[in-house]
Amino acid sequence: MYISTSKPLSRRTVLKHAGIALTLPMLDAMVPAFAAGPTPAAPKRFVGISLALGLHNPLLIPEGTGRDYQPSHYLKDIQDLREDFTVISGTSHPDVQGGHAAEASIFSACPMKRGSVTNNTISIDQLMAKHLGHHTRFPSLVLNTNNSRSPSYTENGSMIPAISDARKLFAQLFIEDTPSAKKRQEMINAQGKSILDIIRSETKSLSRQLGPGDRDKMDEWLTSVRELETRLESNEVWLDRAKPNVNAKPNLAENNNAPDQMRAMLDVVALALQTDSTRFITLHCTGNNVRALEGVEESYHALSHHGKNPEKLEQLSIVEKTTIDNWGNFLRQLKKHDILDDTMSLLTSNLGNASSHDNRNMPVLFAGGGFKHGQHLAFSSTKNYPLPNLYLSMLQNIGLERESFATSTGTMNGLNFG
């Protein structure tokens, strides 16, 4: 029987005329009939901002709980964003100690004890990038305002060095590489793949001589080799694609001025998200020079060890409120470009009390991502709620249906999807 193709075929029509009950492949003639299908879901993103010196909780945590909270001193100037973020208090990473050293666990929630050496585990940003980072030119961005330290860790517990210069970050994202630089990258990719070919050939014969335990270890290692090969292939695809033209210049920071360094980095991060250059970013804020702020006369680290001294606390409040305001301005940029609802932004620190190096009661502000915000989730300050539960909620929000992350006990209570 002849069926005219002057109009698009529907799948039902083909099945009816065929008189059979088989699932047919999608034919070219069917494409217009299905063209009005569901719109692809907007990409989900994550930006984790960590503060090396914490936030003073008495000036951060609001009075009241739920949706009726009264904004604290630090939150009063971002109340136009009230429905876009949630304040979370009374949380920490279970079994994490070590004061400043615990910054390694900010995004991995890997248990660690004071004075002991612990192998880290994969951080949440790198877990997201591992599964979803291939959609963009840069699977992830790892940044620091002042040095190469970062709380981003690979699956085998290796720290990923951070980019610490907003100028270099802007150039990497938006300025086209020279022909010689592209050629060099092609050579690096080719050399990497040739080495992988040798590894694959050598290990194939070796595997036959190994026992079951060693064979499992070899398989695990070969998996990481295959992931490296995938990244090399992805690099080749992006080499020939033009970088986004943002028609903008980086808003550069004053040298060694910590608040300006944070602002400059976040301005470039916003551009990276707007152009879909990457979807998973961490920014570790470690700058110590804050004297450029009016009313501040001491270094950030000295102020963080305030010992409840009123003069130091007053100066510290200027520094930390500027940090919160910078975060608020970043959220406003995302909201202006209609990507805040698809971007989860977490502002936190491993230090709940920097003055005493206490890792309990971590400061947590969480925005965007399509969650129902506008509330203060207050958990116990003496028996902290596990913050990894928030991380599990974030993973599920971007489509990674995992049952746990690190020491999580479930998804976060009180945090619901919009």
Protein backbone atom coordinates (compact mmCIF):
# COMPACT_ATOMS: atom_id res chain seq x y z
CA MET A 1 0.00 0.00 0.00
CA TYR A 2 1.34 3.46 -0.94
CA ILE A 3 1.10 6.23 1.64
CA SER A 4 1.59 9.76 0.37
CA THR A 5 4.42 11.63 2.07
CA SER A 6 3.30 15.09 1.03
CA LYS A 7 2.33 15.60 4.68
CA PRO A 8 4.36 14.48 7.68
CA LEU A 9 3.68 10.92 8.75
CA SER A 10 2.50 10.27 12.26
CA ARG A 11 3.70 7.14 13.96
CA ARG A 12 0.10 6.08 14.63
CA THR A 13 -0.78 6.34 10.91
CA VAL A 14 2.09 4.10 9.88
CA LEU A 15 1.19 1.48 12.45
CA LYS A 16 -2.47 1.55 11.46
CA HIS A 17 -1.83 1.03 7.76
CA ALA A 18 0.77 -1.59 8.38
CA GLY A 19 -1.69 -3.53 10.50
CA ILE A 20 1.02 -4.60 12.90
CA ALA A 21 2.02 -3.69 16.43
CA LEU A 22 5.73 -2.94 16.17
CA THR A 23 7.66 0.08 17.41
CA LEU A 24 9.10 1.67 14.29
CA PRO A 25 12.31 3.67 14.10
CA MET A 26 12.00 7.45 13.85
CA LEU A 27 11.80 8.18 10.11
CA ASP A 28 12.71 11.43 8.37
CA ALA A 29 9.11 11.71 7.18
CA MET A 30 7.95 11.75 10.78
CA VAL A 31 10.16 14.61 12.00
CA PRO A 32 7.73 17.51 11.31
CA ALA A 33 4.94 15.64 13.05
CA PHE A 34 7.02 15.44 16.22
CA ALA A 35 8.68 18.84 15.92
CA ALA A 36 6.37 20.42 18.46
CA GLY A 37 7.54 18.07 21.20
CA PRO A 38 8.58 19.13 24.70
CA THR A 39 11.19 21.86 24.98
CA PRO A 40 14.56 20.53 26.21
CA ALA A 41 15.10 21.20 29.90
CA ALA A 42 17.36 24.14 30.75
CA PRO A 43 20.83 23.06 31.89
CA LYS A 44 21.41 22.88 35.63
CA ARG A 45 24.43 24.66 37.12
CA PHE A 46 26.31 24.87 40.42
CA VAL A 47 28.53 27.62 41.85
CA GLY A 48 30.14 26.86 45.20
CA ILE A 49 31.76 29.82 46.98
CA SER A 50 33.84 28.97 50.03
CA LEU A 51 35.30 31.42 52.54
CA ALA A 52 38.61 30.52 54.17
CA LEU A 53 37.87 32.67 57.24
CA GLY A 54 34.19 31.95 57.80
CA LEU A 55 31.40 34.37 58.73
CA HIS A 56 30.57 35.63 62.22
CA ASN A 57 27.36 33.74 62.93
CA PRO A 58 25.82 36.22 65.43
CA LEU A 59 25.75 38.82 62.64
CA LEU A 60 24.65 36.32 59.97
CA ILE A 61 21.96 34.12 61.49
CA PRO A 62 18.54 35.85 61.50
CA GLU A 63 16.03 35.94 64.33
CA GLY A 64 13.10 33.59 63.86
CA THR A 65 12.73 30.53 61.68
CA GLY A 66 10.84 29.52 58.59
CA ARG A 67 9.48 32.21 56.28
CA ASP A 68 8.92 34.77 59.05
CA TYR A 69 12.57 35.32 59.97
CA GLN A 70 13.90 38.82 60.63
CA PRO A 71 16.97 39.61 58.53
CA SER A 72 20.31 39.89 60.31
CA HIS A 73 22.80 42.71 59.86
CA TYR A 74 24.58 40.82 57.08
CA LEU A 75 21.35 40.01 55.22
CA LYS A 76 19.55 43.33 55.39
CA ASP A 77 20.79 44.63 52.03
CA ILE A 78 19.94 41.52 50.01
CA GLN A 79 16.30 41.32 51.03
CA ASP A 80 15.25 42.11 47.46
CA LEU A 81 16.49 38.55 46.83
CA ARG A 82 14.72 37.09 49.87
CA GLU A 83 12.59 34.67 47.82
CA ASP A 84 15.67 33.48 45.95
CA PHE A 85 17.80 32.16 48.82
CA THR A 86 17.59 30.12 52.01
CA VAL A 87 19.52 30.70 55.25
CA ILE A 88 20.61 27.43 56.85
CA SER A 89 21.97 27.25 60.41
CA GLY A 90 22.96 24.43 62.76
CA THR A 91 24.73 22.28 60.15
CA SER A 92 28.21 20.83 59.71
CA HIS A 93 30.04 17.95 58.08
CA PRO A 94 29.93 14.91 60.38
CA ASP A 95 33.34 13.77 61.68
CA VAL A 96 35.19 16.73 60.17
CA GLN A 97 37.70 18.50 62.43
CA GLY A 98 40.96 20.32 61.96
CA GLY A 99 40.23 24.04 61.92
CA HIS A 100 41.70 25.65 58.80
CA ALA A 101 42.81 22.25 57.45
CA ALA A 102 39.17 21.21 57.16
CA GLU A 103 38.76 23.52 54.15
CA ALA A 104 39.79 20.46 52.10
CA SER A 105 36.43 18.91 53.07
CA ILE A 106 34.19 21.90 52.32
CA PHE A 107 32.79 20.42 49.11
CA SER A 108 33.71 16.77 49.61
CA ALA A 109 32.43 16.38 53.21
CA CYS A 110 35.16 13.76 53.62
CA PRO A 111 35.58 12.90 57.33
CA MET A 112 38.90 14.03 58.80
CA LYS A 113 40.31 14.22 62.31
CA ARG A 114 42.48 16.95 63.76
CA GLY A 115 46.16 16.06 63.40
CA SER A 116 45.58 13.00 61.19
CA VAL A 117 46.24 12.48 57.50
CA THR A 118 43.16 11.53 55.51
CA ASN A 119 42.84 10.79 51.81
CA ASN A 120 40.19 13.10 50.42
CA THR A 121 37.25 12.02 48.28
CA ILE A 122 35.63 13.60 45.24
CA SER A 123 34.12 17.05 45.74
CA ILE A 124 30.55 17.68 44.68
CA ASP A 125 31.50 20.01 41.82
CA GLN A 126 33.83 17.41 40.32
CA LEU A 127 31.22 14.67 40.69
CA MET A 128 28.79 16.86 38.73
CA ALA A 129 31.44 17.65 36.13
CA LYS A 130 32.36 13.99 35.77
CA HIS A 131 28.84 13.09 34.65
CA LEU A 132 27.66 16.31 32.98
CA GLY A 133 30.71 18.45 32.27
CA HIS A 134 31.12 17.20 28.69
CA HIS A 135 28.33 19.49 27.48
CA THR A 136 30.48 22.62 27.72
CA ARG A 137 33.93 23.80 26.62
CA PHE A 138 35.15 23.71 30.23
CA PRO A 139 33.79 20.75 32.26
CA SER A 140 34.41 22.81 35.41
CA LEU A 141 36.21 25.90 36.65
CA VAL A 142 38.22 25.85 39.89
CA LEU A 143 39.05 29.35 41.13
CA ASN A 144 40.72 31.14 44.03
CA THR A 145 40.91 34.86 44.72
CA ASN A 146 44.52 34.78 45.89
CA ASN A 147 46.42 31.50 45.32
CA SER A 148 46.20 28.04 43.75
CA ARG A 149 44.62 26.27 46.74
CA SER A 150 41.16 24.82 46.23
CA PRO A 151 38.55 22.60 47.92
CA SER A 152 37.92 20.80 44.58
CA TYR A 153 39.16 17.21 44.57
CA THR A 154 39.22 14.42 42.01
CA GLU A 155 37.94 10.91 42.58
CA ASN A 156 41.35 9.72 43.75
CA GLY A 157 41.63 12.57 46.27
CA SER A 158 43.92 14.91 44.36
CA MET A 159 43.42 18.65 44.77
CA ILE A 160 42.76 20.56 41.53
CA PRO A 161 44.92 23.71 41.42
CA ALA A 162 42.88 26.89 41.11
CA ILE A 163 43.06 29.77 38.67
CA SER A 164 43.69 32.86 40.79
CA ASP A 165 43.83 35.71 38.26
CA ALA A 166 40.58 37.19 36.90
CA ARG A 167 42.46 38.48 33.82
CA LYS A 168 43.74 35.02 32.93
CA LEU A 169 40.32 33.50 33.56
CA PHE A 170 38.66 36.04 31.25
CA ALA A 171 41.26 35.37 28.54
CA GLN A 172 40.85 31.62 28.85
CA LEU A 173 37.08 31.90 28.49
CA PHE A 174 36.62 34.62 25.89
CA ILE A 175 39.83 35.49 24.02
CA GLU A 176 40.63 33.33 20.99
CA ASP A 177 43.84 31.32 21.16
CA THR A 178 46.54 32.13 18.65
CA PRO A 179 47.11 29.62 15.80
CA SER A 180 50.38 28.53 17.43
CA ALA A 181 48.61 27.93 20.76
CA LYS A 182 45.94 25.82 19.03
CA LYS A 183 48.63 23.83 17.24
CA ARG A 184 50.39 23.19 20.51
CA GLN A 185 47.14 21.97 22.10
CA GLU A 186 46.57 19.63 19.16
CA MET A 187 50.06 18.19 19.68
CA ILE A 188 49.43 17.73 23.41
CA ASN A 189 46.16 15.92 22.66
CA ALA A 190 47.84 13.69 20.07
CA GLN A 191 50.72 12.83 22.40
CA GLY A 192 48.28 12.06 25.18
CA LYS A 193 46.30 9.69 22.99
CA SER A 194 49.42 7.90 21.74
CA ILE A 195 50.52 7.29 25.34
CA LEU A 196 47.07 5.93 26.13
CA ASP A 197 47.34 3.53 23.17
CA ILE A 198 50.62 2.18 24.59
CA ILE A 199 49.10 1.84 28.08
CA ARG A 200 46.09 -0.02 26.71
CA SER A 201 48.30 -2.45 24.76
CA GLU A 202 50.67 -3.15 27.67
CA THR A 203 48.01 -3.63 30.32
CA LYS A 204 45.96 -5.99 28.14
CA SER A 205 48.68 -8.65 28.28
CA LEU A 206 49.50 -7.89 31.91
CA SER A 207 45.88 -8.35 33.05
CA ARG A 208 45.97 -12.02 32.04
CA GLN A 209 48.73 -12.63 34.60
CA LEU A 210 46.97 -10.96 37.55
CA GLY A 211 44.82 -12.42 40.30
CA PRO A 212 41.19 -11.33 40.80
CA GLY A 213 42.03 -8.60 43.35
CA ASP A 214 44.75 -7.05 41.21
CA ARG A 215 42.53 -7.35 38.14
CA ASP A 216 39.87 -5.26 39.90
CA LYS A 217 42.44 -2.60 40.75
CA MET A 218 43.66 -2.61 37.15
CA ASP A 219 40.10 -2.23 35.86
CA GLU A 220 39.56 0.72 38.18
CA TRP A 221 42.76 2.35 36.93
CA LEU A 222 41.87 1.71 33.28
CA THR A 223 38.54 3.39 33.89
CA SER A 224 40.37 6.57 34.87
CA VAL A 225 42.50 6.20 31.71
CA ARG A 226 39.36 5.95 29.58
CA GLU A 227 37.98 9.07 31.26
CA LEU A 228 41.20 10.90 30.38
CA GLU A 229 40.84 9.77 26.77
CA THR A 230 37.28 11.10 26.73
CA ARG A 231 38.50 14.48 27.96
CA LEU A 232 41.19 14.57 25.27
CA GLU A 233 38.59 13.86 22.60
CA SER A 234 36.36 16.58 24.02
CA ASN A 235 39.27 19.04 23.86
CA GLU A 236 39.65 18.32 20.14
CA VAL A 237 36.00 19.14 19.48
CA TRP A 238 36.26 22.56 21.15
CA LEU A 239 39.57 23.52 19.51
CA ASP A 240 37.83 24.42 16.25
CA ARG A 241 34.85 26.21 17.83
CA ALA A 242 34.97 29.95 18.34
CA LYS A 243 34.82 31.21 21.91
CA PRO A 244 31.84 33.38 22.90
CA ASN A 245 32.08 37.08 22.11
CA VAL A 246 30.85 38.80 25.26
CA ASN A 247 31.65 42.33 24.08
CA ALA A 248 32.92 43.14 27.57
CA LYS A 249 36.12 43.65 29.47
CA PRO A 250 36.98 42.12 32.84
CA ASN A 251 36.19 44.41 35.77
CA LEU A 252 39.63 44.16 37.33
CA ALA A 253 40.35 44.20 41.04
CA GLU A 254 42.81 46.33 42.94
CA ASN A 255 45.95 44.37 43.78
CA ASN A 256 45.59 42.25 46.94
CA ASN A 257 42.25 43.80 47.88
CA ALA A 258 40.22 40.75 48.92
CA PRO A 259 36.68 42.16 48.41
CA ASP A 260 37.57 43.47 44.94
CA GLN A 261 39.20 40.16 44.03
CA MET A 262 36.01 38.31 44.91
CA ARG A 263 33.86 40.76 42.97
CA ALA A 264 36.09 40.58 39.88
CA MET A 265 36.04 36.77 39.90
CA LEU A 266 32.26 36.64 40.31
CA ASP A 267 31.78 39.07 37.41
CA VAL A 268 33.70 36.70 35.12
CA VAL A 269 31.87 33.68 36.59
CA ALA A 270 28.54 35.31 35.70
CA LEU A 271 29.73 35.76 32.10
CA ALA A 272 30.89 32.12 31.98
CA LEU A 273 27.43 30.95 33.03
CA GLN A 274 25.59 33.31 30.68
CA THR A 275 27.59 31.98 27.72
CA ASP A 276 27.28 28.35 28.88
CA SER A 277 31.07 28.04 28.82
CA THR A 278 30.85 25.86 31.93
CA ARG A 279 28.20 24.79 34.43
CA PHE A 280 30.17 23.75 37.51
CA ILE A 281 32.36 26.25 39.37
CA THR A 282 34.04 26.61 42.74
CA LEU A 283 35.55 29.84 44.04
CA HIS A 284 37.66 29.74 47.21
CA CYS A 285 38.08 33.19 48.80
CA THR A 286 41.41 33.43 50.62
CA GLY A 287 42.50 37.08 50.34
CA ASN A 288 43.85 38.70 53.51
CA ASN A 289 44.20 42.39 52.58
CA VAL A 290 41.00 44.27 53.43
CA ARG A 291 42.42 47.63 54.49
CA ALA A 292 41.07 49.29 51.34
CA LEU A 293 37.61 49.12 52.96
CA GLU A 294 36.67 52.28 54.81
CA GLY A 295 36.85 51.74 58.56
CA VAL A 296 39.11 48.66 58.35
CA GLU A 297 42.65 48.93 59.70
CA GLU A 298 43.75 45.33 60.24
CA SER A 299 44.22 42.23 58.09
CA TYR A 300 41.31 39.86 57.53
CA HIS A 301 43.04 36.99 59.37
CA ALA A 302 43.77 39.17 62.40
CA LEU A 303 40.15 40.30 62.51
CA SER A 304 38.85 36.74 62.23
CA HIS A 305 40.65 36.05 65.54
CA HIS A 306 38.65 38.77 67.23
CA GLY A 307 38.32 37.16 70.67
CA LYS A 308 35.02 39.11 70.92
CA ASN A 309 36.93 42.39 70.93
CA PRO A 310 34.30 45.04 69.99
CA GLU A 311 36.65 47.09 67.79
CA LYS A 312 37.78 44.04 65.85
CA LEU A 313 34.21 42.79 65.50
CA GLU A 314 33.12 46.12 64.08
CA GLN A 315 35.86 45.99 61.44
CA LEU A 316 35.16 42.32 60.74
CA SER A 317 31.48 43.10 60.17
CA ILE A 318 32.44 45.60 57.42
CA VAL A 319 34.53 42.96 55.66
CA GLU A 320 31.99 40.17 55.93
CA LYS A 321 28.99 42.27 54.99
CA THR A 322 30.88 43.29 51.84
CA THR A 323 31.33 39.58 51.10
CA ILE A 324 27.58 38.96 51.44
CA ASP A 325 26.81 42.02 49.30
CA ASN A 326 29.18 40.73 46.59
CA TRP A 327 27.32 37.44 46.60
CA GLY A 328 24.01 39.29 46.38
CA ASN A 329 25.21 41.28 43.37
CA PHE A 330 26.27 38.02 41.71
CA LEU A 331 22.79 36.57 42.24
CA ARG A 332 21.24 39.71 40.77
CA GLN A 333 23.31 39.24 37.61
CA LEU A 334 22.07 35.67 37.26
CA LYS A 335 18.49 36.74 37.90
CA LYS A 336 18.74 39.54 35.32
CA HIS A 337 19.73 36.98 32.69
CA ASP A 338 17.06 34.45 33.77
CA ILE A 339 19.49 31.73 34.84
CA LEU A 340 19.23 31.92 38.64
CA ASP A 341 16.41 29.37 38.77
CA ASP A 342 18.68 26.92 36.96
CA THR A 343 21.82 27.76 38.95
CA MET A 344 22.44 26.58 42.50
CA SER A 345 24.77 28.91 44.40
CA LEU A 346 26.17 27.91 47.78
CA LEU A 347 28.07 30.32 50.02
CA THR A 348 29.72 28.58 52.97
CA SER A 349 32.91 27.98 54.96
CA ASN A 350 34.53 25.12 56.83
CA LEU A 351 34.78 27.45 59.87
CA GLY A 352 31.68 28.07 61.94
CA ASN A 353 33.76 30.09 64.39
CA ALA A 354 37.03 31.30 62.86
CA SER A 355 38.17 32.84 66.13
CA SER A 356 38.34 29.42 67.79
CA HIS A 357 38.87 27.32 64.62
CA ASP A 358 35.58 25.51 65.24
CA ASN A 359 34.22 23.49 62.32
CA ARG A 360 30.69 23.17 63.71
CA ASN A 361 27.74 25.43 62.82
CA MET A 362 29.05 26.24 59.37
CA PRO A 363 27.64 29.41 57.77
CA VAL A 364 25.37 28.41 54.87
CA LEU A 365 23.49 30.53 52.34
CA PHE A 366 21.92 28.62 49.46
CA ALA A 367 20.28 30.25 46.44
CA GLY A 368 18.61 29.41 43.13
CA GLY A 369 18.28 26.02 41.49
CA GLY A 370 14.48 26.06 41.37
CA PHE A 371 14.07 25.34 45.09
CA LYS A 372 11.46 27.00 47.30
CA HIS A 373 13.43 29.65 49.16
CA GLY A 374 12.60 32.66 51.34
CA GLN A 375 13.17 30.82 54.62
CA HIS A 376 15.51 30.17 57.51
CA LEU A 377 16.08 26.46 58.09
CA ALA A 378 17.27 26.37 61.69
CA PHE A 379 18.73 23.09 62.93
CA SER A 380 20.27 22.38 66.34
CA SER A 381 23.40 24.38 67.17
CA THR A 382 24.45 21.71 69.69
CA LYS A 383 23.60 18.61 67.65
CA ASN A 384 24.26 19.71 64.11
CA TYR A 385 22.32 18.47 61.11
CA PRO A 386 24.49 16.88 58.36
CA LEU A 387 25.27 19.42 55.64
CA PRO A 388 26.01 16.59 53.14
CA ASN A 389 22.22 16.17 53.00
CA LEU A 390 22.10 19.49 51.14
CA TYR A 391 24.73 18.16 48.74
CA LEU A 392 22.60 15.10 48.04
CA SER A 393 19.60 17.37 47.33
CA MET A 394 21.77 19.33 44.88
CA LEU A 395 22.94 16.19 43.10
CA GLN A 396 19.38 14.97 42.66
CA ASN A 397 18.35 18.42 41.46
CA ILE A 398 20.74 18.24 38.51
CA GLY A 399 19.56 14.74 37.63
CA LEU A 400 22.12 12.50 39.36
CA GLU A 401 19.87 10.08 41.20
CA ARG A 402 22.23 9.05 43.95
CA GLU A 403 21.16 7.61 47.28
CA SER A 404 23.96 9.22 49.29
CA PHE A 405 26.92 11.57 49.21
CA ALA A 406 29.76 11.27 51.74
CA THR A 407 28.12 11.10 55.20
CA SER A 408 24.63 12.17 54.14
CA THR A 409 21.62 10.52 55.75
CA GLY A 410 19.12 11.59 53.08
CA THR A 411 18.11 14.78 51.30
CA MET A 412 17.83 18.01 53.31
CA ASN A 413 14.74 18.37 55.49
CA GLY A 414 12.65 21.44 54.74
CA LEU A 415 14.24 22.15 51.37
CA ASN A 416 11.73 21.45 48.63
CA PHE A 417 11.71 21.84 44.88
CA GLY A 418 9.71 24.67 43.36
